[in-house]
Amino acid sequence: MGSPLNQFIEVRGARLRVRIAGDGPAVLLVHGWALDLDMWTPQFAALAGRYRLIAFDRRGFGYSSGTAGIDHDLADIEQLLETLDIDCIAIVGMSQGARVALRWATYAPSATTCLILDGPPSDLLALHRPQGEIALATYRELVRNEGIEAFRKQWLEHPLMRLYTSEPRTHALVREMVGRYPGQDLVGEQSGPPAGRVNLQPLDLPILIINGELDTSVRIDAGAELAHALPRAQLALIPGAGHLSNLDNPSAYNQALDQFLAMSHRAHRSMCHAE
C-alpha cells in the first residue's frame, strides 16, 4: 500500500494540502475547526487497505492558503473530486467539518454514497438552542489584544479539545495542529461559519452519526436528536472518547466507520464508482 501521498493542489486560487492513500471506494475526510488533515492519521493507518482515503486541509487551515468558508469548501471539494477523477464519495465530517459534509450531501446527493457526521454542532436542526459552545467573539477579541498564541493556548483547554487518551503522540499531534492554525477567520471580517440550517428533507442516503461518549452534553444531545430526525440515520457512541473520538479511541472509531462504510458500499455498489 505504501505511505500516504501528500501533495499540494491548486484549486480556485488557493493551494490546498491533500493526502491520498489506499484503494477501494473513495472516502473523503473533512477536519474540524482549528485542526487539519493530520487529525485523520489513525484512520489512514487503519483503513487505507480497504478504501481510497482522501483528506485535505480546508482553505485557511493547516498548510492550505485561501480564506476559510464553508461555501469555499463545497466548491473546493467539487474541484478536488474532478481533479482526482472521482465520481462518488462517502464523506466524513468532524465537528465544523460535519457542516461541510452535510451541505455537500444535500448539494450533490448523486455523488454521495453515504454521510458520516462526527460530533456535529447543535444547530444543524432547530434544536431550540444556539451552538454556543465556541465563544468566537471572545476569541476574536483575544487574538486582537494578545495574539494568536494566546488563543491557541485557550483553545487547547476547551472541553471540545479535551483528550482522554494517555497516548503522548496523540497529545503532541493535537498541539501541533492547533499550533499551525493561522487564525485568519478570527482576525478577518468573516464571523465564522454560517449558522443557517440545511434542508434535510432530500437526504435519502445512509447516515452515521458519531459521538464520543464523553463528548459535551450539547454535542451528545445534538447527535441523538439528529439520529432521531433523519430516517436512515444510526448512532455510534465511541467508548472512553471525548469530542476528538477518532483520536481518543481510534480502534473503536475505525471499527464503527469500517462497518458502516462496508454496509453502505454494498448497498450502493451499482450507483457509482471511483476510477
Protein backbone atom coordinates (compact mmCIF):
# COMPACT_ATOMS: atom_id res chain seq x y z
CA MET A 1 0.00 0.00 0.00
CA GLY A 2 2.86 2.40 0.80
CA SER A 3 2.74 5.53 2.90
CA PRO A 4 0.09 8.20 2.33
CA LEU A 5 0.80 10.56 -0.53
CA ASN A 6 0.81 14.23 0.43
CA GLN A 7 0.54 16.78 -2.33
CA PHE A 8 -0.46 20.36 -2.95
CA ILE A 9 -3.18 21.05 -5.50
CA GLU A 10 -4.08 24.45 -6.92
CA VAL A 11 -7.84 24.86 -6.55
CA ARG A 12 -9.69 28.07 -7.37
CA GLY A 13 -6.91 30.43 -6.39
CA ALA A 14 -5.82 28.53 -3.30
CA ARG A 15 -3.13 25.94 -2.70
CA LEU A 16 -4.63 23.00 -0.80
CA ARG A 17 -2.67 20.31 1.00
CA VAL A 18 -4.18 16.93 0.13
CA ARG A 19 -3.43 13.42 1.41
CA ILE A 20 -4.46 10.34 -0.57
CA ALA A 21 -3.85 6.68 0.24
CA GLY A 22 -5.29 3.26 -0.44
CA ASP A 23 -7.56 1.60 -2.96
CA GLY A 24 -11.27 0.90 -2.97
CA PRO A 25 -14.38 3.04 -2.51
CA ALA A 26 -13.49 6.72 -2.13
CA VAL A 27 -13.90 8.26 1.33
CA LEU A 28 -13.39 11.98 1.85
CA LEU A 29 -12.44 13.08 5.39
CA VAL A 30 -13.21 16.68 6.41
CA HIS A 31 -11.48 18.04 9.52
CA GLY A 32 -12.86 20.27 12.27
CA TRP A 33 -12.18 23.89 13.18
CA ALA A 34 -8.60 24.90 14.07
CA LEU A 35 -7.44 21.40 13.03
CA ASP A 36 -6.21 19.98 9.73
CA LEU A 37 -5.95 16.71 7.80
CA ASP A 38 -3.41 15.28 10.25
CA MET A 39 -6.30 14.61 12.64
CA TRP A 40 -7.11 11.63 10.39
CA THR A 41 -3.70 9.96 10.87
CA PRO A 42 -5.15 6.92 12.74
CA GLN A 43 -7.76 6.40 10.04
CA PHE A 44 -5.15 6.46 7.27
CA ALA A 45 -3.11 3.92 9.21
CA ALA A 46 -6.01 1.50 9.69
CA LEU A 47 -8.39 1.90 6.76
CA ALA A 48 -6.31 2.68 3.66
CA GLY A 49 -6.11 -1.04 2.90
CA ARG A 50 -9.83 -1.14 2.08
CA TYR A 51 -10.71 2.38 0.97
CA ARG A 52 -9.27 5.18 -1.09
CA LEU A 53 -8.93 7.80 1.62
CA ILE A 54 -8.74 11.46 0.70
CA ALA A 55 -8.25 14.28 3.19
CA PHE A 56 -7.41 17.93 2.69
CA ASP A 57 -6.59 20.99 4.72
CA ARG A 58 -9.63 23.20 4.18
CA ARG A 59 -8.59 26.60 2.85
CA GLY A 60 -7.48 28.83 5.70
CA PHE A 61 -6.45 25.85 7.87
CA GLY A 62 -3.30 23.80 8.27
CA TYR A 63 -0.95 24.25 5.31
CA SER A 64 -3.62 25.41 2.83
CA SER A 65 -3.84 29.00 1.68
CA GLY A 66 -7.00 30.97 0.94
CA THR A 67 -9.86 32.35 3.01
CA ALA A 68 -11.83 29.97 5.22
CA GLY A 69 -15.51 29.49 4.43
CA ILE A 70 -17.98 26.65 4.00
CA ASP A 71 -19.08 27.81 0.55
CA HIS A 72 -15.42 27.69 -0.47
CA ASP A 73 -15.15 24.19 1.00
CA LEU A 74 -18.02 22.89 -1.15
CA ALA A 75 -16.57 24.35 -4.34
CA ASP A 76 -13.12 23.01 -3.39
CA ILE A 77 -14.48 19.50 -2.85
CA GLU A 78 -16.20 19.59 -6.22
CA GLN A 79 -12.98 20.70 -7.93
CA LEU A 80 -10.88 18.21 -5.97
CA LEU A 81 -13.05 15.26 -6.99
CA GLU A 82 -12.93 16.39 -10.61
CA THR A 83 -9.14 16.67 -10.45
CA LEU A 84 -8.86 13.17 -8.93
CA ASP A 85 -11.44 11.74 -11.39
CA ILE A 86 -13.75 10.53 -8.62
CA ASP A 87 -17.44 10.15 -9.36
CA CYS A 88 -18.79 9.36 -5.92
CA ILE A 89 -17.68 9.58 -2.30
CA ALA A 90 -18.57 8.65 1.20
CA ILE A 91 -18.00 11.85 3.17
CA VAL A 92 -16.97 12.08 6.81
CA GLY A 93 -17.19 15.46 8.53
CA MET A 94 -15.93 16.12 12.05
CA SER A 95 -17.42 18.97 14.16
CA GLN A 96 -17.36 22.07 11.92
CA GLY A 97 -16.48 19.64 9.13
CA ALA A 98 -19.88 18.00 9.73
CA ARG A 99 -21.45 21.23 8.47
CA VAL A 100 -19.40 20.87 5.30
CA ALA A 101 -20.24 17.18 4.87
CA LEU A 102 -23.97 17.74 5.42
CA ARG A 103 -24.07 20.62 2.96
CA TRP A 104 -22.15 18.56 0.42
CA ALA A 105 -24.60 15.65 0.73
CA THR A 106 -27.58 17.95 0.16
CA TYR A 107 -25.78 19.80 -2.66
CA ALA A 108 -24.55 16.69 -4.50
CA PRO A 109 -26.65 13.70 -3.36
CA SER A 110 -26.00 11.70 -6.53
CA ALA A 111 -22.24 11.97 -5.90
CA THR A 112 -22.56 10.83 -2.27
CA THR A 113 -22.82 7.17 -1.21
CA CYS A 114 -23.24 7.89 2.48
CA LEU A 115 -22.72 10.57 5.10
CA ILE A 116 -20.89 10.39 8.43
CA LEU A 117 -21.39 13.26 10.89
CA ASP A 118 -18.84 13.11 13.70
CA GLY A 119 -19.58 15.29 16.75
CA PRO A 120 -21.97 17.53 14.79
CA PRO A 121 -22.85 21.02 16.06
CA SER A 122 -26.17 21.50 17.81
CA ASP A 123 -27.64 23.98 15.34
CA LEU A 124 -27.88 21.69 12.32
CA LEU A 125 -31.51 21.18 13.33
CA ALA A 126 -33.89 23.57 15.07
CA LEU A 127 -32.93 22.23 18.49
CA HIS A 128 -34.19 25.26 20.43
CA ARG A 129 -30.70 26.28 21.47
CA PRO A 130 -27.77 28.10 19.87
CA GLN A 131 -24.47 26.38 19.23
CA GLY A 132 -22.96 28.49 21.99
CA GLU A 133 -20.01 26.27 22.87
CA ILE A 134 -17.38 28.22 20.94
CA ALA A 135 -17.08 31.84 22.05
CA LEU A 136 -15.95 33.24 18.69
CA ALA A 137 -16.41 36.87 19.72
CA THR A 138 -14.28 36.30 22.81
CA TYR A 139 -11.63 34.52 20.78
CA ARG A 140 -11.54 37.34 18.20
CA GLU A 141 -11.01 39.83 20.98
CA LEU A 142 -8.28 37.64 22.45
CA VAL A 143 -6.44 37.41 19.11
CA ARG A 144 -6.77 41.17 18.58
CA ASN A 145 -5.45 42.02 22.03
CA GLU A 146 -2.98 39.24 22.81
CA GLY A 147 -2.23 37.48 19.52
CA ILE A 148 -2.85 34.05 18.05
CA GLU A 149 -0.69 32.20 20.59
CA ALA A 150 -2.95 33.31 23.43
CA PHE A 151 -5.94 31.94 21.53
CA ARG A 152 -4.19 28.64 20.79
CA LYS A 153 -3.40 28.16 24.47
CA GLN A 154 -7.04 28.82 25.46
CA TRP A 155 -8.48 26.64 22.72
CA LEU A 156 -6.37 23.66 23.78
CA GLU A 157 -8.04 23.95 27.21
CA HIS A 158 -11.58 24.00 25.79
CA PRO A 159 -13.81 20.98 26.66
CA LEU A 160 -14.19 20.18 22.94
CA MET A 161 -10.42 19.75 22.69
CA ARG A 162 -10.00 17.58 25.77
CA LEU A 163 -8.25 14.26 25.11
CA TYR A 164 -9.00 11.24 27.27
CA THR A 165 -6.27 9.05 25.82
CA SER A 166 -2.93 8.95 27.62
CA GLU A 167 -1.08 8.35 24.33
CA PRO A 168 1.61 11.10 24.25
CA ARG A 169 1.87 11.14 20.43
CA THR A 170 -1.84 11.97 20.20
CA HIS A 171 -1.48 14.90 22.61
CA ALA A 172 1.54 16.12 20.62
CA LEU A 173 -0.40 15.81 17.35
CA VAL A 174 -3.27 17.96 18.62
CA ARG A 175 -0.84 20.60 19.92
CA GLU A 176 0.93 20.64 16.55
CA MET A 177 -2.31 21.07 14.58
CA VAL A 178 -3.58 23.90 16.78
CA GLY A 179 -0.07 25.39 16.69
CA ARG A 180 -0.27 25.84 12.92
CA TYR A 181 -3.87 27.06 12.77
CA PRO A 182 -3.35 30.54 11.27
CA GLY A 183 -6.48 32.10 12.77
CA GLN A 184 -7.28 34.22 9.72
CA ASP A 185 -11.01 33.57 10.17
CA LEU A 186 -10.71 35.12 13.64
CA VAL A 187 -8.98 38.32 12.51
CA GLY A 188 -10.84 38.90 9.22
CA GLU A 189 -14.25 40.38 8.64
CA GLN A 190 -15.84 36.95 8.47
CA SER A 191 -17.81 35.92 11.52
CA GLY A 192 -17.16 32.20 11.18
CA PRO A 193 -19.36 29.57 9.54
CA PRO A 194 -22.90 30.49 8.60
CA ALA A 195 -25.39 29.14 11.12
CA GLY A 196 -28.11 28.69 8.52
CA ARG A 197 -29.72 25.28 8.72
CA VAL A 198 -29.76 22.84 5.85
CA ASN A 199 -32.92 21.39 4.37
CA LEU A 200 -32.62 17.75 5.41
CA GLN A 201 -35.68 16.53 3.51
CA PRO A 202 -33.88 15.31 0.36
CA LEU A 203 -31.33 13.29 2.35
CA ASP A 204 -32.22 9.78 1.24
CA LEU A 205 -28.92 8.09 1.97
CA PRO A 206 -27.36 6.10 4.82
CA ILE A 207 -26.14 8.36 7.62
CA LEU A 208 -23.92 7.53 10.59
CA ILE A 209 -23.73 9.96 13.49
CA ILE A 210 -20.73 9.52 15.77
CA ASN A 211 -20.23 10.91 19.26
CA GLY A 212 -17.62 10.18 21.86
CA GLU A 213 -19.46 9.02 24.97
CA LEU A 214 -17.52 11.67 26.95
CA ASP A 215 -18.22 14.50 24.47
CA THR A 216 -20.01 17.58 25.80
CA SER A 217 -23.66 17.12 26.68
CA VAL A 218 -24.63 19.62 23.98
CA ARG A 219 -22.94 17.55 21.27
CA ILE A 220 -24.28 14.24 22.59
CA ASP A 221 -27.83 15.64 22.64
CA ALA A 222 -27.35 17.04 19.14
CA GLY A 223 -26.18 13.67 17.83
CA ALA A 224 -29.14 11.85 19.39
CA GLU A 225 -31.65 14.35 18.02
CA LEU A 226 -30.13 14.22 14.54
CA ALA A 227 -30.23 10.42 14.60
CA HIS A 228 -33.90 10.58 15.59
CA ALA A 229 -34.77 13.20 12.95
CA LEU A 230 -33.08 11.55 9.97
CA PRO A 231 -34.93 8.43 8.77
CA ARG A 232 -31.87 6.49 7.56
CA ALA A 233 -29.53 7.52 10.37
CA GLN A 234 -27.86 5.39 13.01
CA LEU A 235 -25.85 6.49 16.01
CA ALA A 236 -22.49 5.19 17.23
CA LEU A 237 -21.11 6.11 20.65
CA ILE A 238 -17.34 5.70 20.94
CA PRO A 239 -16.43 4.47 24.44
CA GLY A 240 -13.85 6.30 26.52
CA ALA A 241 -13.68 9.14 24.00
CA GLY A 242 -14.44 12.85 24.02
CA HIS A 243 -15.13 15.18 21.10
CA LEU A 244 -11.92 14.04 19.37
CA SER A 245 -13.18 10.47 19.38
CA ASN A 246 -11.20 9.34 16.33
CA LEU A 247 -8.02 10.22 18.26
CA ASP A 248 -9.14 9.17 21.75
CA ASN A 249 -10.23 5.65 20.76
CA PRO A 250 -9.16 5.05 17.16
CA SER A 251 -9.75 1.29 17.21
CA ALA A 252 -13.44 1.63 18.18
CA TYR A 253 -13.86 4.60 15.86
CA ASN A 254 -12.28 2.79 12.92
CA GLN A 255 -14.42 -0.30 13.53
CA ALA A 256 -17.64 1.76 13.57
CA LEU A 257 -16.59 3.63 10.44
CA ASP A 258 -15.48 0.49 8.59
CA GLN A 259 -18.67 -1.42 9.34
CA PHE A 260 -20.85 1.45 8.19
CA LEU A 261 -18.81 2.13 5.04
CA ALA A 262 -18.78 -1.54 4.07
CA MET A 263 -22.53 -1.83 4.50
CA SER A 264 -23.20 1.39 2.60
CA HIS A 265 -20.84 0.43 -0.22
CA ARG A 266 -22.58 -2.90 -0.71
CA ALA A 267 -25.93 -1.12 -0.92
CA HIS A 268 -24.65 1.47 -3.40
CA ARG A 269 -22.16 -0.57 -5.43
CA SER A 270 -24.14 -0.23 -8.64
CA MET A 271 -24.68 3.51 -8.27
CA CYS A 272 -21.22 4.99 -8.60
CA HIS A 273 -17.54 4.19 -8.61
CA ALA A 274 -14.14 5.81 -8.28
CA GLU A 275 -11.59 5.43 -11.04
